[in-house]
Amino acid sequence: MKLRDIIDPLLELLQDTKTAEELLDEKPTQFAKRAYIRSSFSYIEGTVWLLKQACIGAADSTGRRVFSHAEYALLNDEGYDLKNNGEPSVQPKFLRLPDNVKFADRAVAKFFGSQPQLDGGSSAWNNFLEAIRIRNRISHPKNMHDFEVIDKEIEVCRAATHWFNDVVSEHMSAIFDASQRAINSSV
């Protein structure tokens, strides 16, 4: 896996979120508020996937056995079961976002030698959990009130997105540093 395989989709996700945020700033309609929140979470979920793929790609290319079989399966969003005939089958594993973010944080830190960035009890983490609740409410509305996003909720979602940007920035620095070390050691 090349760095471009991580950077290009990451930049596309960031551009979508930036465009949604510009729309929100220009004209803060309910549509713009919901579009910003949905775009932000597409960015977060997509970035978690990309960080996990960076771990898999680096592990595969270096041959380093850092991850257990269970961790490797979770990096691939996979679980296993048996068919009725006794043969194994791969099942897609749909991980809860908070757990998946924590797992990706630990996996990147474990493989690339960075420090885990998440503190599960911090105010930033609690804010992130609140942003998830807001996203879930507008994505799965039960009544008309669930569509409405107030300004305070936008601020919660902006803060969660900015916090996540900081987490990703630290991890991307570790990935770049590891990549540079690999390049320098092969020269």
C-alpha atoms as a PDB file:
ATOM      1  CA  MET A   1       0.000   0.000   0.000  1.00  0.00           C
ATOM      2  CA  LYS A   2       1.280   3.443  -0.913  1.00  0.00           C
ATOM      3  CA  LEU A   3       0.718   6.645   1.031  1.00  0.00           C
ATOM      4  CA  ARG A   4      -1.337   7.938  -1.912  1.00  0.00           C
ATOM      5  CA  ASP A   5      -3.808   5.110  -1.234  1.00  0.00           C
ATOM      6  CA  ILE A   6      -4.490   6.751   2.118  1.00  0.00           C
ATOM      7  CA  ILE A   7      -4.000  10.422   1.284  1.00  0.00           C
ATOM      8  CA  ASP A   8      -6.131  10.688  -1.874  1.00  0.00           C
ATOM      9  CA  PRO A   9      -9.380   9.336  -0.380  1.00  0.00           C
ATOM     10  CA  LEU A  10      -8.695  11.211   2.865  1.00  0.00           C
ATOM     11  CA  LEU A  11      -8.420  14.480   0.929  1.00  0.00           C
ATOM     12  CA  GLU A  12     -11.645  13.715  -0.933  1.00  0.00           C
ATOM     13  CA  LEU A  13     -13.480  13.108   2.352  1.00  0.00           C
ATOM     14  CA  LEU A  14     -12.041  16.319   3.794  1.00  0.00           C
ATOM     15  CA  GLN A  15     -13.064  18.284   0.695  1.00  0.00           C
ATOM     16  CA  ASP A  16     -16.656  17.044   1.002  1.00  0.00           C
ATOM     17  CA  THR A  17     -16.758  18.096   4.641  1.00  0.00           C
ATOM     18  CA  LYS A  18     -15.191  21.479   3.855  1.00  0.00           C
ATOM     19  CA  THR A  19     -17.764  22.092   1.109  1.00  0.00           C
ATOM     20  CA  ALA A  20     -20.618  21.135   3.455  1.00  0.00           C
ATOM     21  CA  GLU A  21     -19.199  23.438   6.133  1.00  0.00           C
ATOM     22  CA  GLU A  22     -18.936  26.324   3.644  1.00  0.00           C
ATOM     23  CA  LEU A  23     -22.579  25.768   2.662  1.00  0.00           C
ATOM     24  CA  LEU A  24     -23.519  25.788   6.336  1.00  0.00           C
ATOM     25  CA  ASP A  25     -21.593  29.011   6.989  1.00  0.00           C
ATOM     26  CA  GLU A  26     -23.063  30.672   3.899  1.00  0.00           C
ATOM     27  CA  LYS A  27     -26.660  29.733   4.580  1.00  0.00           C
ATOM     28  CA  PRO A  28     -27.357  27.803   7.802  1.00  0.00           C
ATOM     29  CA  THR A  29     -30.591  26.098   6.734  1.00  0.00           C
ATOM     30  CA  GLN A  30     -31.770  22.868   8.284  1.00  0.00           C
ATOM     31  CA  PHE A  31     -30.664  21.080   5.120  1.00  0.00           C
ATOM     32  CA  ALA A  32     -27.166  22.591   5.366  1.00  0.00           C
ATOM     33  CA  LYS A  33     -26.926  21.643   9.045  1.00  0.00           C
ATOM     34  CA  ARG A  34     -27.912  18.031   8.375  1.00  0.00           C
ATOM     35  CA  ALA A  35     -25.641  17.852   5.306  1.00  0.00           C
ATOM     36  CA  TYR A  36     -22.687  19.096   7.364  1.00  0.00           C
ATOM     37  CA  ILE A  37     -23.274  16.523  10.095  1.00  0.00           C
ATOM     38  CA  ARG A  38     -23.684  13.662   7.614  1.00  0.00           C
ATOM     39  CA  SER A  39     -20.601  14.735   5.681  1.00  0.00           C
ATOM     40  CA  SER A  40     -18.550  15.029   8.870  1.00  0.00           C
ATOM     41  CA  PHE A  41     -19.442  11.509   9.879  1.00  0.00           C
ATOM     42  CA  SER A  42     -18.701  10.168   6.401  1.00  0.00           C
ATOM     43  CA  TYR A  43     -15.276  11.736   6.828  1.00  0.00           C
ATOM     44  CA  ILE A  44     -14.833  10.221  10.305  1.00  0.00           C
ATOM     45  CA  GLU A  45     -15.982   6.734   9.335  1.00  0.00           C
ATOM     46  CA  GLY A  46     -14.030   6.787   6.077  1.00  0.00           C
ATOM     47  CA  THR A  47     -10.896   7.957   7.849  1.00  0.00           C
ATOM     48  CA  VAL A  48     -11.175   5.217  10.463  1.00  0.00           C
ATOM     49  CA  TRP A  49     -11.325   2.694   7.601  1.00  0.00           C
ATOM     50  CA  LEU A  50      -8.294   4.300   5.929  1.00  0.00           C
ATOM     51  CA  LEU A  51      -6.254   4.236   9.149  1.00  0.00           C
ATOM     52  CA  LYS A  52      -7.065   0.565   9.580  1.00  0.00           C
ATOM     53  CA  GLN A  53      -6.100  -0.112   5.966  1.00  0.00           C
ATOM     54  CA  ALA A  54      -2.790   1.672   6.562  1.00  0.00           C
ATOM     55  CA  CYS A  55      -2.118  -0.758   9.409  1.00  0.00           C
ATOM     56  CA  ILE A  56      -2.983  -3.778   7.261  1.00  0.00           C
ATOM     57  CA  GLY A  57      -0.960  -2.539   4.286  1.00  0.00           C
ATOM     58  CA  ALA A  58       2.088  -1.755   6.395  1.00  0.00           C
ATOM     59  CA  ALA A  59       1.867  -5.064   8.254  1.00  0.00           C
ATOM     60  CA  ASP A  60       1.531  -7.001   4.995  1.00  0.00           C
ATOM     61  CA  SER A  61       4.383  -5.156   3.262  1.00  0.00           C
ATOM     62  CA  THR A  62       6.818  -5.405   6.168  1.00  0.00           C
ATOM     63  CA  GLY A  63       5.889  -8.879   7.332  1.00  0.00           C
ATOM     64  CA  ARG A  64       5.817  -7.645  10.940  1.00  0.00           C
ATOM     65  CA  ARG A  65       3.424  -9.728  13.021  1.00  0.00           C
ATOM     66  CA  VAL A  66       2.141  -7.095  15.414  1.00  0.00           C
ATOM     67  CA  PHE A  67      -1.568  -7.883  15.289  1.00  0.00           C
ATOM     68  CA  SER A  68      -3.354 -10.942  16.623  1.00  0.00           C
ATOM     69  CA  HIS A  69      -5.697 -12.902  14.350  1.00  0.00           C
ATOM     70  CA  ALA A  70      -8.647 -11.196  16.058  1.00  0.00           C
ATOM     71  CA  GLU A  71      -7.141  -7.730  15.558  1.00  0.00           C
ATOM     72  CA  TYR A  72      -6.354  -8.465  11.926  1.00  0.00           C
ATOM     73  CA  ALA A  73      -9.958  -9.574  11.348  1.00  0.00           C
ATOM     74  CA  LEU A  74     -11.278  -6.418  13.017  1.00  0.00           C
ATOM     75  CA  LEU A  75      -8.935  -4.260  10.941  1.00  0.00           C
ATOM     76  CA  ASN A  76     -10.716  -5.794   7.941  1.00  0.00           C
ATOM     77  CA  ASP A  77     -14.179  -5.372   9.534  1.00  0.00           C
ATOM     78  CA  GLU A  78     -14.594  -9.153   9.445  1.00  0.00           C
ATOM     79  CA  GLY A  79     -15.855 -11.831  11.761  1.00  0.00           C
ATOM     80  CA  TYR A  80     -16.061 -15.574  11.282  1.00  0.00           C
ATOM     81  CA  ASP A  81     -18.728 -18.190  11.655  1.00  0.00           C
ATOM     82  CA  LEU A  82     -19.460 -21.700  10.480  1.00  0.00           C
ATOM     83  CA  LYS A  83     -21.889 -22.651   7.756  1.00  0.00           C
ATOM     84  CA  ASN A  84     -24.338 -25.490   8.323  1.00  0.00           C
ATOM     85  CA  ASN A  85     -21.991 -27.808   6.415  1.00  0.00           C
ATOM     86  CA  GLY A  86     -19.140 -27.038   8.825  1.00  0.00           C
ATOM     87  CA  GLU A  87     -17.168 -24.795   6.483  1.00  0.00           C
ATOM     88  CA  PRO A  88     -15.982 -21.447   7.788  1.00  0.00           C
ATOM     89  CA  SER A  89     -17.504 -18.287   6.398  1.00  0.00           C
ATOM     90  CA  VAL A  90     -16.361 -14.703   6.584  1.00  0.00           C
ATOM     91  CA  GLN A  91     -19.000 -12.340   7.911  1.00  0.00           C
ATOM     92  CA  PRO A  92     -18.889  -8.566   7.583  1.00  0.00           C
ATOM     93  CA  LYS A  93     -18.453  -7.074  11.036  1.00  0.00           C
ATOM     94  CA  PHE A  94     -20.308  -3.829  11.636  1.00  0.00           C
ATOM     95  CA  LEU A  95     -18.476  -2.178  14.493  1.00  0.00           C
ATOM     96  CA  ARG A  96     -20.003   0.530  16.654  1.00  0.00           C
ATOM     97  CA  LEU A  97     -18.338   3.799  15.709  1.00  0.00           C
ATOM     98  CA  PRO A  98     -17.003   4.694  19.183  1.00  0.00           C
ATOM     99  CA  ASP A  99     -15.453   1.236  19.550  1.00  0.00           C
ATOM    100  CA  ASN A 100     -14.087   1.323  16.009  1.00  0.00           C
ATOM    101  CA  VAL A 101     -12.488   4.743  16.562  1.00  0.00           C
ATOM    102  CA  LYS A 102     -10.821   3.499  19.764  1.00  0.00           C
ATOM    103  CA  PHE A 103      -9.654   0.321  18.033  1.00  0.00           C
ATOM    104  CA  ALA A 104      -8.185   2.220  15.064  1.00  0.00           C
ATOM    105  CA  ASP A 105      -6.457   4.602  17.474  1.00  0.00           C
ATOM    106  CA  ARG A 106      -4.861   1.682  19.335  1.00  0.00           C
ATOM    107  CA  ALA A 107      -3.952  -0.170  16.125  1.00  0.00           C
ATOM    108  CA  VAL A 108      -2.174   2.810  14.555  1.00  0.00           C
ATOM    109  CA  ALA A 109      -0.336   3.506  17.809  1.00  0.00           C
ATOM    110  CA  LYS A 110       0.631  -0.147  18.147  1.00  0.00           C
ATOM    111  CA  PHE A 111       1.977  -0.558  14.626  1.00  0.00           C
ATOM    112  CA  PHE A 112       3.475   2.847  13.907  1.00  0.00           C
ATOM    113  CA  GLY A 113       4.799   3.602  17.382  1.00  0.00           C
ATOM    114  CA  SER A 114       2.690   6.665  18.078  1.00  0.00           C
ATOM    115  CA  GLN A 115       0.864   7.363  21.302  1.00  0.00           C
ATOM    116  CA  PRO A 116      -2.824   6.472  21.542  1.00  0.00           C
ATOM    117  CA  GLN A 117      -4.712   9.748  21.217  1.00  0.00           C
ATOM    118  CA  LEU A 118      -8.020   8.871  22.841  1.00  0.00           C
ATOM    119  CA  ASP A 119      -9.019   9.292  26.433  1.00  0.00           C
ATOM    120  CA  GLY A 120     -12.407   7.652  26.815  1.00  0.00           C
ATOM    121  CA  GLY A 121     -13.417   9.838  29.739  1.00  0.00           C
ATOM    122  CA  SER A 122     -12.355  13.216  28.362  1.00  0.00           C
ATOM    123  CA  SER A 123     -14.751  16.036  27.576  1.00  0.00           C
ATOM    124  CA  ALA A 124     -13.699  15.790  23.899  1.00  0.00           C
ATOM    125  CA  TRP A 125     -14.647  12.098  23.859  1.00  0.00           C
ATOM    126  CA  ASN A 126     -17.993  12.817  25.541  1.00  0.00           C
ATOM    127  CA  ASN A 127     -18.609  15.571  22.990  1.00  0.00           C
ATOM    128  CA  PHE A 128     -17.864  13.064  20.207  1.00  0.00           C
ATOM    129  CA  LEU A 129     -20.410  10.639  21.683  1.00  0.00           C
ATOM    130  CA  GLU A 130     -22.996  13.435  21.768  1.00  0.00           C
ATOM    131  CA  ALA A 131     -22.241  14.242  18.116  1.00  0.00           C
ATOM    132  CA  ILE A 132     -22.862  10.580  17.255  1.00  0.00           C
ATOM    133  CA  ARG A 133     -26.250  10.754  19.000  1.00  0.00           C
ATOM    134  CA  ILE A 134     -27.127  13.846  16.947  1.00  0.00           C
ATOM    135  CA  ARG A 135     -26.050  12.153  13.716  1.00  0.00           C
ATOM    136  CA  ASN A 136     -28.031   9.021  14.578  1.00  0.00           C
ATOM    137  CA  ARG A 137     -31.132  11.058  15.371  1.00  0.00           C
ATOM    138  CA  ILE A 138     -31.137  12.934  12.059  1.00  0.00           C
ATOM    139  CA  SER A 139     -30.194   9.807  10.076  1.00  0.00           C
ATOM    140  CA  HIS A 140     -32.933   7.672  11.631  1.00  0.00           C
ATOM    141  CA  PRO A 141     -35.707  10.149  12.519  1.00  0.00           C
ATOM    142  CA  LYS A 142     -38.720   8.852  14.415  1.00  0.00           C
ATOM    143  CA  ASN A 143     -40.716  12.074  14.118  1.00  0.00           C
ATOM    144  CA  MET A 144     -40.513  15.514  12.493  1.00  0.00           C
ATOM    145  CA  HIS A 145     -38.740  17.008  15.525  1.00  0.00           C
ATOM    146  CA  ASP A 146     -35.806  14.638  14.946  1.00  0.00           C
ATOM    147  CA  PHE A 147     -34.939  16.462  11.705  1.00  0.00           C
ATOM    148  CA  GLU A 148     -34.338  19.764  13.476  1.00  0.00           C
ATOM    149  CA  VAL A 149     -30.751  20.678  14.298  1.00  0.00           C
ATOM    150  CA  ILE A 150     -30.185  23.600  16.652  1.00  0.00           C
ATOM    151  CA  ASP A 151     -27.079  25.797  16.588  1.00  0.00           C
ATOM    152  CA  LYS A 152     -25.712  24.274  19.811  1.00  0.00           C
ATOM    153  CA  GLU A 153     -25.783  20.831  18.140  1.00  0.00           C
ATOM    154  CA  ILE A 154     -23.832  22.197  15.175  1.00  0.00           C
ATOM    155  CA  GLU A 155     -21.202  23.493  17.594  1.00  0.00           C
ATOM    156  CA  VAL A 156     -21.005  20.050  19.225  1.00  0.00           C
ATOM    157  CA  CYS A 157     -20.515  18.431  15.817  1.00  0.00           C
ATOM    158  CA  ARG A 158     -17.932  21.013  14.722  1.00  0.00           C
ATOM    159  CA  ALA A 159     -15.970  20.508  17.928  1.00  0.00           C
ATOM    160  CA  ALA A 160     -16.098  16.718  17.502  1.00  0.00           C
ATOM    161  CA  THR A 161     -14.889  16.995  13.902  1.00  0.00           C
ATOM    162  CA  HIS A 162     -12.045  19.356  14.853  1.00  0.00           C
ATOM    163  CA  TRP A 163     -11.027  17.049  17.706  1.00  0.00           C
ATOM    164  CA  PHE A 164     -11.031  14.083  15.313  1.00  0.00           C
ATOM    165  CA  ASN A 165      -8.880  16.108  12.874  1.00  0.00           C
ATOM    166  CA  ASP A 166      -6.302  16.535  15.638  1.00  0.00           C
ATOM    167  CA  VAL A 167      -6.318  12.792  16.370  1.00  0.00           C
ATOM    168  CA  VAL A 168      -5.888  11.961  12.681  1.00  0.00           C
ATOM    169  CA  SER A 169      -3.131  14.529  12.277  1.00  0.00           C
ATOM    170  CA  GLU A 170      -1.088  12.880  15.035  1.00  0.00           C
ATOM    171  CA  HIS A 171      -1.570   9.440  13.511  1.00  0.00           C
ATOM    172  CA  MET A 172      -0.799  10.602   9.981  1.00  0.00           C
ATOM    173  CA  SER A 173       2.447  12.121  11.264  1.00  0.00           C
ATOM    174  CA  ALA A 174       3.363   8.745  12.752  1.00  0.00           C
ATOM    175  CA  ILE A 175       2.513   6.987   9.479  1.00  0.00           C
ATOM    176  CA  PHE A 176       4.589   9.496   7.472  1.00  0.00           C
ATOM    177  CA  ASP A 177       7.507   9.142   9.888  1.00  0.00           C
ATOM    178  CA  ALA A 178       7.382   5.340   9.669  1.00  0.00           C
ATOM    179  CA  SER A 179       7.212   5.541   5.885  1.00  0.00           C
ATOM    180  CA  GLN A 180      10.201   7.874   5.791  1.00  0.00           C
ATOM    181  CA  ARG A 181      12.184   5.545   8.073  1.00  0.00           C
ATOM    182  CA  ALA A 182      11.372   2.616   5.790  1.00  0.00           C
ATOM    183  CA  ILE A 183      12.499   4.564   2.730  1.00  0.00           C
ATOM    184  CA  ASN A 184      15.723   5.672   4.429  1.00  0.00           C
ATOM    185  CA  SER A 185      16.563   2.173   5.639  1.00  0.00           C
ATOM    186  CA  SER A 186      16.129   0.714   2.155  1.00  0.00           C
ATOM    187  CA  VAL A 187      18.537   3.223   0.590  1.00  0.00           C
END
